[in-house]
Amino acid sequence: MMPDLGLARLVIQLSWSFGSVFVLYGLYKLVTIVYDEVTSPLRDLPGPPCTSFIFGNFKEVWESVSSLRLSGTNDRLTTLRKAALFMRDG
């Protein structure tokens, strides 16, 4: 008895369809992340440079905030830009 080739073709077509949807969704998410990073108004805020691609500049911001707390300086509040995971503005 010969195997049913119609079922095999159906499985292959469904696999390509679902695979294409996942690839297109991944491309969509990648484009939106890049677009959000390029057009973000947070890029213009001052802040320390990113020292780590994965962790951003959490360490530098944490140290600057800790030093402000220890010195007791609360004269003026400033806004700093911090880079979150994978250098994304957060």
N, C-alpha and C. Protein backbone atom coordinates (compact mmCIF):
# COMPACT_ATOMS: atom_id res chain seq x y z
N MET A 1 0.81 -1.18 0.00
CA MET A 1 0.00 0.00 0.00
C MET A 1 0.87 1.26 0.00
N MET A 2 0.51 2.22 -0.79
CA MET A 2 1.25 3.47 -0.91
C MET A 2 0.77 4.46 0.16
N PRO A 3 1.70 5.21 0.75
CA PRO A 3 1.27 6.23 1.72
C PRO A 3 0.50 7.35 1.01
N ASP A 4 -0.35 7.99 1.75
CA ASP A 4 -1.17 9.07 1.20
C ASP A 4 -0.32 10.32 1.04
N LEU A 5 -0.02 10.71 -0.19
CA LEU A 5 0.81 11.89 -0.45
C LEU A 5 0.05 13.19 -0.23
N GLY A 6 -1.26 13.13 -0.29
CA GLY A 6 -2.06 14.33 -0.04
C GLY A 6 -1.88 14.84 1.37
N LEU A 7 -1.82 13.92 2.34
CA LEU A 7 -1.62 14.31 3.73
C LEU A 7 -0.22 14.89 3.94
N ALA A 8 0.78 14.32 3.28
CA ALA A 8 2.15 14.83 3.39
C ALA A 8 2.24 16.24 2.82
N ARG A 9 1.60 16.47 1.69
CA ARG A 9 1.60 17.82 1.10
C ARG A 9 0.90 18.82 2.00
N LEU A 10 -0.20 18.41 2.61
CA LEU A 10 -0.92 19.29 3.52
C LEU A 10 -0.05 19.67 4.71
N VAL A 11 0.66 18.70 5.27
CA VAL A 11 1.54 18.98 6.41
C VAL A 11 2.65 19.93 6.00
N ILE A 12 3.22 19.73 4.83
CA ILE A 12 4.29 20.62 4.35
C ILE A 12 3.76 22.03 4.12
N GLN A 13 2.59 22.15 3.53
CA GLN A 13 2.01 23.48 3.28
C GLN A 13 1.70 24.19 4.59
N LEU A 14 1.15 23.47 5.56
CA LEU A 14 0.86 24.09 6.86
C LEU A 14 2.15 24.50 7.57
N SER A 15 3.18 23.68 7.45
CA SER A 15 4.46 24.03 8.08
C SER A 15 5.04 25.30 7.48
N TRP A 16 5.00 25.42 6.17
CA TRP A 16 5.48 26.64 5.51
C TRP A 16 4.64 27.85 5.91
N SER A 17 3.33 27.65 6.02
CA SER A 17 2.46 28.77 6.39
C SER A 17 2.76 29.27 7.79
N PHE A 18 2.83 28.34 8.76
CA PHE A 18 3.12 28.75 10.13
C PHE A 18 4.52 29.31 10.26
N GLY A 19 5.48 28.71 9.57
CA GLY A 19 6.85 29.22 9.60
C GLY A 19 6.94 30.63 9.05
N SER A 20 6.21 30.88 7.96
CA SER A 20 6.21 32.23 7.36
C SER A 20 5.61 33.26 8.31
N VAL A 21 4.55 32.87 9.01
CA VAL A 21 3.92 33.79 9.97
C VAL A 21 4.90 34.13 11.09
N PHE A 22 5.60 33.14 11.62
CA PHE A 22 6.55 33.40 12.70
C PHE A 22 7.72 34.27 12.23
N VAL A 23 8.20 34.04 11.03
CA VAL A 23 9.30 34.85 10.49
C VAL A 23 8.84 36.29 10.28
N LEU A 24 7.66 36.47 9.71
CA LEU A 24 7.15 37.82 9.49
C LEU A 24 6.89 38.55 10.80
N TYR A 25 6.39 37.84 11.80
CA TYR A 25 6.17 38.47 13.11
C TYR A 25 7.50 38.87 13.74
N GLY A 26 8.51 38.02 13.61
CA GLY A 26 9.83 38.36 14.14
C GLY A 26 10.42 39.58 13.46
N LEU A 27 10.26 39.67 12.14
CA LEU A 27 10.74 40.85 11.42
C LEU A 27 9.98 42.10 11.85
N TYR A 28 8.67 41.96 12.04
CA TYR A 28 7.86 43.10 12.50
C TYR A 28 8.35 43.59 13.86
N LYS A 29 8.59 42.67 14.80
CA LYS A 29 9.06 43.07 16.12
C LYS A 29 10.44 43.73 16.04
N LEU A 30 11.31 43.20 15.21
CA LEU A 30 12.64 43.77 15.05
C LEU A 30 12.57 45.19 14.50
N VAL A 31 11.73 45.39 13.49
CA VAL A 31 11.59 46.73 12.90
C VAL A 31 10.99 47.71 13.91
N THR A 32 10.00 47.28 14.69
CA THR A 32 9.41 48.20 15.67
C THR A 32 10.40 48.55 16.78
N ILE A 33 11.22 47.59 17.20
CA ILE A 33 12.22 47.89 18.23
C ILE A 33 13.24 48.90 17.71
N VAL A 34 13.72 48.68 16.50
CA VAL A 34 14.71 49.60 15.92
C VAL A 34 14.08 50.98 15.71
N TYR A 35 12.86 51.03 15.20
CA TYR A 35 12.19 52.31 14.97
C TYR A 35 11.98 53.06 16.29
N ASP A 36 11.56 52.35 17.33
CA ASP A 36 11.35 52.99 18.63
C ASP A 36 12.66 53.55 19.19
N GLU A 37 13.75 52.82 18.98
CA GLU A 37 15.04 53.30 19.48
C GLU A 37 15.53 54.53 18.71
N VAL A 38 15.31 54.55 17.42
CA VAL A 38 15.80 55.66 16.59
C VAL A 38 14.98 56.92 16.83
N THR A 39 13.68 56.78 17.06
CA THR A 39 12.81 57.94 17.21
C THR A 39 12.49 58.29 18.66
N SER A 40 13.14 57.66 19.61
CA SER A 40 12.83 57.89 21.02
C SER A 40 13.30 59.27 21.46
N PRO A 41 12.44 60.04 22.15
CA PRO A 41 12.88 61.33 22.67
C PRO A 41 13.83 61.18 23.85
N LEU A 42 13.93 59.98 24.42
CA LEU A 42 14.85 59.77 25.54
C LEU A 42 16.30 59.79 25.11
N ARG A 43 16.56 59.72 23.81
CA ARG A 43 17.94 59.74 23.32
C ARG A 43 18.61 61.08 23.59
N ASP A 44 17.81 62.15 23.75
CA ASP A 44 18.38 63.48 23.93
C ASP A 44 18.69 63.82 25.39
N LEU A 45 18.28 62.97 26.33
CA LEU A 45 18.55 63.23 27.74
C LEU A 45 20.02 62.96 28.05
N PRO A 46 20.61 63.75 28.97
CA PRO A 46 22.00 63.49 29.33
C PRO A 46 22.11 62.24 30.20
N GLY A 47 23.25 61.62 30.15
CA GLY A 47 23.48 60.44 30.98
C GLY A 47 24.83 59.85 30.69
N PRO A 48 25.27 58.94 31.55
CA PRO A 48 26.58 58.33 31.32
C PRO A 48 26.53 57.42 30.10
N PRO A 49 27.66 57.21 29.46
CA PRO A 49 27.68 56.34 28.29
C PRO A 49 27.44 54.89 28.68
N CYS A 50 26.96 54.11 27.73
CA CYS A 50 26.71 52.68 27.97
C CYS A 50 28.05 51.96 28.01
N THR A 51 28.28 51.22 29.08
CA THR A 51 29.52 50.48 29.20
C THR A 51 29.34 49.00 28.91
N SER A 52 28.10 48.53 28.94
CA SER A 52 27.85 47.11 28.69
C SER A 52 26.68 46.98 27.72
N PHE A 53 26.86 46.14 26.71
CA PHE A 53 25.77 45.94 25.74
C PHE A 53 24.58 45.27 26.40
N ILE A 54 24.82 44.34 27.30
CA ILE A 54 23.71 43.59 27.89
C ILE A 54 23.07 44.36 29.04
N PHE A 55 23.87 44.92 29.96
CA PHE A 55 23.33 45.56 31.15
C PHE A 55 23.22 47.08 31.04
N GLY A 56 23.60 47.65 29.92
CA GLY A 56 23.48 49.09 29.75
C GLY A 56 24.41 49.83 30.70
N ASN A 57 23.88 50.87 31.36
CA ASN A 57 24.69 51.62 32.32
C ASN A 57 24.03 51.63 33.70
N PHE A 58 23.43 50.50 34.08
CA PHE A 58 22.82 50.38 35.39
C PHE A 58 23.81 50.68 36.51
N LYS A 59 25.03 50.17 36.39
CA LYS A 59 26.02 50.34 37.46
C LYS A 59 26.37 51.81 37.65
N GLU A 60 26.62 52.53 36.58
CA GLU A 60 26.99 53.94 36.70
C GLU A 60 25.84 54.77 37.27
N VAL A 61 24.62 54.52 36.82
CA VAL A 61 23.48 55.28 37.34
C VAL A 61 23.26 54.96 38.80
N TRP A 62 23.38 53.69 39.16
CA TRP A 62 23.18 53.29 40.56
C TRP A 62 24.23 53.95 41.46
N GLU A 63 25.48 53.99 41.00
CA GLU A 63 26.53 54.62 41.80
C GLU A 63 26.29 56.12 41.94
N SER A 64 25.82 56.78 40.88
CA SER A 64 25.59 58.22 40.98
C SER A 64 24.41 58.52 41.89
N VAL A 65 23.38 57.70 41.85
CA VAL A 65 22.23 57.90 42.74
C VAL A 65 22.63 57.60 44.17
N SER A 66 23.44 56.56 44.39
CA SER A 66 23.89 56.23 45.74
C SER A 66 24.76 57.34 46.31
N SER A 67 25.62 57.94 45.50
CA SER A 67 26.47 59.01 46.00
C SER A 67 25.64 60.25 46.34
N LEU A 68 24.57 60.50 45.60
CA LEU A 68 23.70 61.62 45.94
C LEU A 68 23.00 61.39 47.26
N ARG A 69 22.57 60.15 47.49
CA ARG A 69 21.90 59.84 48.75
C ARG A 69 22.86 59.96 49.92
N LEU A 70 24.10 59.50 49.74
CA LEU A 70 25.06 59.54 50.83
C LEU A 70 25.50 60.96 51.15
N SER A 71 25.61 61.80 50.14
CA SER A 71 26.06 63.16 50.40
C SER A 71 24.93 64.05 50.92
N GLY A 72 23.70 63.58 50.83
CA GLY A 72 22.57 64.35 51.34
C GLY A 72 22.21 65.53 50.48
N THR A 73 22.61 65.53 49.24
CA THR A 73 22.32 66.63 48.35
C THR A 73 20.95 66.42 47.72
N ASN A 74 20.01 67.21 48.12
CA ASN A 74 18.68 67.17 47.52
C ASN A 74 18.28 68.55 47.02
N ASP A 75 19.27 69.34 46.63
CA ASP A 75 19.00 70.70 46.19
C ASP A 75 18.15 70.72 44.93
N ARG A 76 18.46 69.84 44.01
CA ARG A 76 17.79 69.91 42.73
C ARG A 76 17.70 68.50 42.16
N LEU A 77 16.61 68.23 41.54
CA LEU A 77 16.43 66.93 40.90
C LEU A 77 16.84 67.02 39.45
N THR A 78 17.54 66.01 38.98
CA THR A 78 17.94 65.98 37.58
C THR A 78 17.38 64.72 36.93
N THR A 79 17.23 64.80 35.65
CA THR A 79 16.77 63.65 34.89
C THR A 79 17.95 63.05 34.16
N LEU A 80 18.16 61.77 34.36
CA LEU A 80 19.25 61.08 33.71
C LEU A 80 18.69 60.00 32.81
N ARG A 81 19.38 59.77 31.72
CA ARG A 81 19.01 58.68 30.82
C ARG A 81 19.76 57.45 31.27
N LYS A 82 19.05 56.32 31.35
CA LYS A 82 19.73 55.08 31.66
C LYS A 82 19.44 54.09 30.54
N ALA A 83 20.38 53.27 30.27
CA ALA A 83 20.19 52.24 29.25
C ALA A 83 19.87 50.94 29.96
N ALA A 84 18.75 50.36 29.60
CA ALA A 84 18.31 49.12 30.22
C ALA A 84 18.99 47.95 29.53
N LEU A 85 18.41 46.78 29.67
CA LEU A 85 18.98 45.58 29.06
C LEU A 85 19.12 45.76 27.56
N PHE A 86 20.21 45.28 27.04
CA PHE A 86 20.53 45.34 25.61
C PHE A 86 20.53 46.76 25.07
N MET A 87 21.00 47.70 25.90
CA MET A 87 21.19 49.11 25.54
C MET A 87 19.91 49.80 25.10
N ARG A 88 18.75 49.31 25.53
CA ARG A 88 17.49 49.97 25.22
C ARG A 88 17.23 51.05 26.25
N ASP A 89 16.67 52.17 25.83
CA ASP A 89 16.37 53.25 26.78
C ASP A 89 15.26 52.78 27.70
N GLY A 90 15.41 53.10 28.98
CA GLY A 90 14.39 52.63 29.91
C GLY A 90 14.01 53.68 30.89
